[in-house]
C-alpha atoms as a PDB file:
ATOM      1  CA  MET A   1      97.477  68.817  92.741  1.00  0.00           C
ATOM      2  CA  GLN A   2      98.878  65.369  93.228  1.00  0.00           C
ATOM      3  CA  LYS A   3     102.281  66.728  92.764  1.00  0.00           C
ATOM      4  CA  ILE A   4     101.897  69.391  95.317  1.00  0.00           C
ATOM      5  CA  GLU A   5     100.584  67.006  97.757  1.00  0.00           C
ATOM      6  CA  ASN A   6     103.427  64.358  97.135  1.00  0.00           C
ATOM      7  CA  SER A   7     106.142  67.103  97.389  1.00  0.00           C
ATOM      8  CA  ILE A   8     104.657  68.348 100.690  1.00  0.00           C
ATOM      9  CA  LEU A   9     104.494  64.933 102.070  1.00  0.00           C
ATOM     10  CA  ASN A  10     108.124  64.262 101.090  1.00  0.00           C
ATOM     11  CA  LEU A  11     109.070  67.117 103.595  1.00  0.00           C
ATOM     12  CA  GLU A  12     108.559  64.649 106.389  1.00  0.00           C
ATOM     13  CA  LEU A  13     111.830  62.884 105.559  1.00  0.00           C
ATOM     14  CA  TYR A  14     113.613  66.009 104.152  1.00  0.00           C
ATOM     15  CA  ARG A  15     112.222  68.840 106.091  1.00  0.00           C
ATOM     16  CA  TYR A  16     115.492  71.025 105.895  1.00  0.00           C
ATOM     17  CA  SER A  17     116.096  70.422 102.276  1.00  0.00           C
ATOM     18  CA  CYS A  18     114.641  73.713 101.116  1.00  0.00           C
ATOM     19  CA  VAL A  19     116.233  77.221 101.033  1.00  0.00           C
ATOM     20  CA  GLU A  20     115.530  79.504 104.023  1.00  0.00           C
ATOM     21  CA  VAL A  21     113.662  82.863 103.298  1.00  0.00           C
ATOM     22  CA  HIS A  22     113.625  85.741 105.738  1.00  0.00           C
ATOM     23  CA  ILE A  23     110.497  87.937 105.564  1.00  0.00           C
ATOM     24  CA  LYS A  24     110.692  91.553 106.602  1.00  0.00           C
ATOM     25  CA  PRO A  25     109.706  93.507 108.740  1.00  0.00           C
ATOM     26  CA  ASN A  26     110.108  90.918 111.512  1.00  0.00           C
ATOM     27  CA  ASN A  27     112.789  88.793 109.743  1.00  0.00           C
ATOM     28  CA  GLU A  28     110.586  85.687 110.153  1.00  0.00           C
ATOM     29  CA  MET A  29     112.125  82.635 108.707  1.00  0.00           C
ATOM     30  CA  TYR A  30     110.277  80.372 106.465  1.00  0.00           C
ATOM     31  CA  ARG A  31     111.468  77.466 104.004  1.00  0.00           C
ATOM     32  CA  ARG A  32     110.575  77.676 100.427  1.00  0.00           C
ATOM     33  CA  LEU A  33     109.451  74.563  98.485  1.00  0.00           C
ATOM     34  CA  LEU A  34     109.247  74.940  94.681  1.00  0.00           C
ATOM     35  CA  ILE A  35     106.719  72.785  93.018  1.00  0.00           C
ATOM     36  CA  ASP A  36     106.347  73.526  89.248  1.00  0.00           C
ATOM     37  CA  ASN A  37     104.450  76.815  89.110  1.00  0.00           C
ATOM     38  CA  PHE A  38     103.738  77.087  92.836  1.00  0.00           C
ATOM     39  CA  ILE A  39     105.661  77.974  95.976  1.00  0.00           C
ATOM     40  CA  ALA A  40     104.877  76.411  99.323  1.00  0.00           C
ATOM     41  CA  LEU A  41     106.183  78.419 102.428  1.00  0.00           C
ATOM     42  CA  TYR A  42     106.637  76.230 105.452  1.00  0.00           C
ATOM     43  CA  GLY A  43     108.238  76.123 108.816  1.00  0.00           C
ATOM     44  CA  VAL A  44     109.540  73.249 111.088  1.00  0.00           C
ATOM     45  CA  ASP A  45     108.192  72.881 114.548  1.00  0.00           C
ATOM     46  CA  GLU A  46     111.242  71.478 116.409  1.00  0.00           C
ATOM     47  CA  LYS A  47     109.193  70.597 119.509  1.00  0.00           C
ATOM     48  CA  TYR A  48     106.918  68.281 117.733  1.00  0.00           C
ATOM     49  CA  LYS A  49     109.097  67.502 114.754  1.00  0.00           C
ATOM     50  CA  GLN A  50     106.462  68.532 112.320  1.00  0.00           C
ATOM     51  CA  VAL A  51     106.331  70.604 109.137  1.00  0.00           C
ATOM     52  CA  VAL A  52     103.867  73.436 109.122  1.00  0.00           C
ATOM     53  CA  ILE A  53     102.566  74.691 105.741  1.00  0.00           C
ATOM     54  CA  TYR A  54     101.792  78.363 105.884  1.00  0.00           C
ATOM     55  CA  ARG A  55     100.897  79.058 102.279  1.00  0.00           C
ATOM     56  CA  VAL A  56     100.830  77.694  98.731  1.00  0.00           C
ATOM     57  CA  ILE A  57     101.233  80.463  96.351  1.00  0.00           C
ATOM     58  CA  TYR A  58     101.295  80.672  92.535  1.00  0.00           C
ATOM     59  CA  GLY A  59     104.887  81.118  91.427  1.00  0.00           C
ATOM     60  CA  LYS A  60     104.444  84.418  89.522  1.00  0.00           C
ATOM     61  CA  THR A  61     102.969  86.148  92.505  1.00  0.00           C
ATOM     62  CA  ASP A  62     105.184  88.634  94.460  1.00  0.00           C
ATOM     63  CA  TYR A  63     105.068  86.395  97.446  1.00  0.00           C
ATOM     64  CA  LEU A  64     107.515  88.408  99.559  1.00  0.00           C
ATOM     65  CA  ASN A  65     105.315  91.585  99.335  1.00  0.00           C
ATOM     66  CA  LEU A  66     102.248  89.506  99.948  1.00  0.00           C
ATOM     67  CA  ILE A  67     103.475  87.964 103.176  1.00  0.00           C
ATOM     68  CA  GLU A  68     104.972  91.280 104.407  1.00  0.00           C
ATOM     69  CA  GLU A  69     101.541  92.952 104.370  1.00  0.00           C
END
């Protein structure tokens, strides 16, 4: 749990370091942070210069289908 927390806190400095993921059907854009066996999906709020964590999901989950539903 500590590694997940530290990785998310590092996004304060490196918010654009992770790959963009586009989720259908609305082509919403998230960024994907890989942390061991987990994936954190987040966005960057440009207005407030904040990182918004949307979900932390176990890595073997079909997260694209989970989010699309």
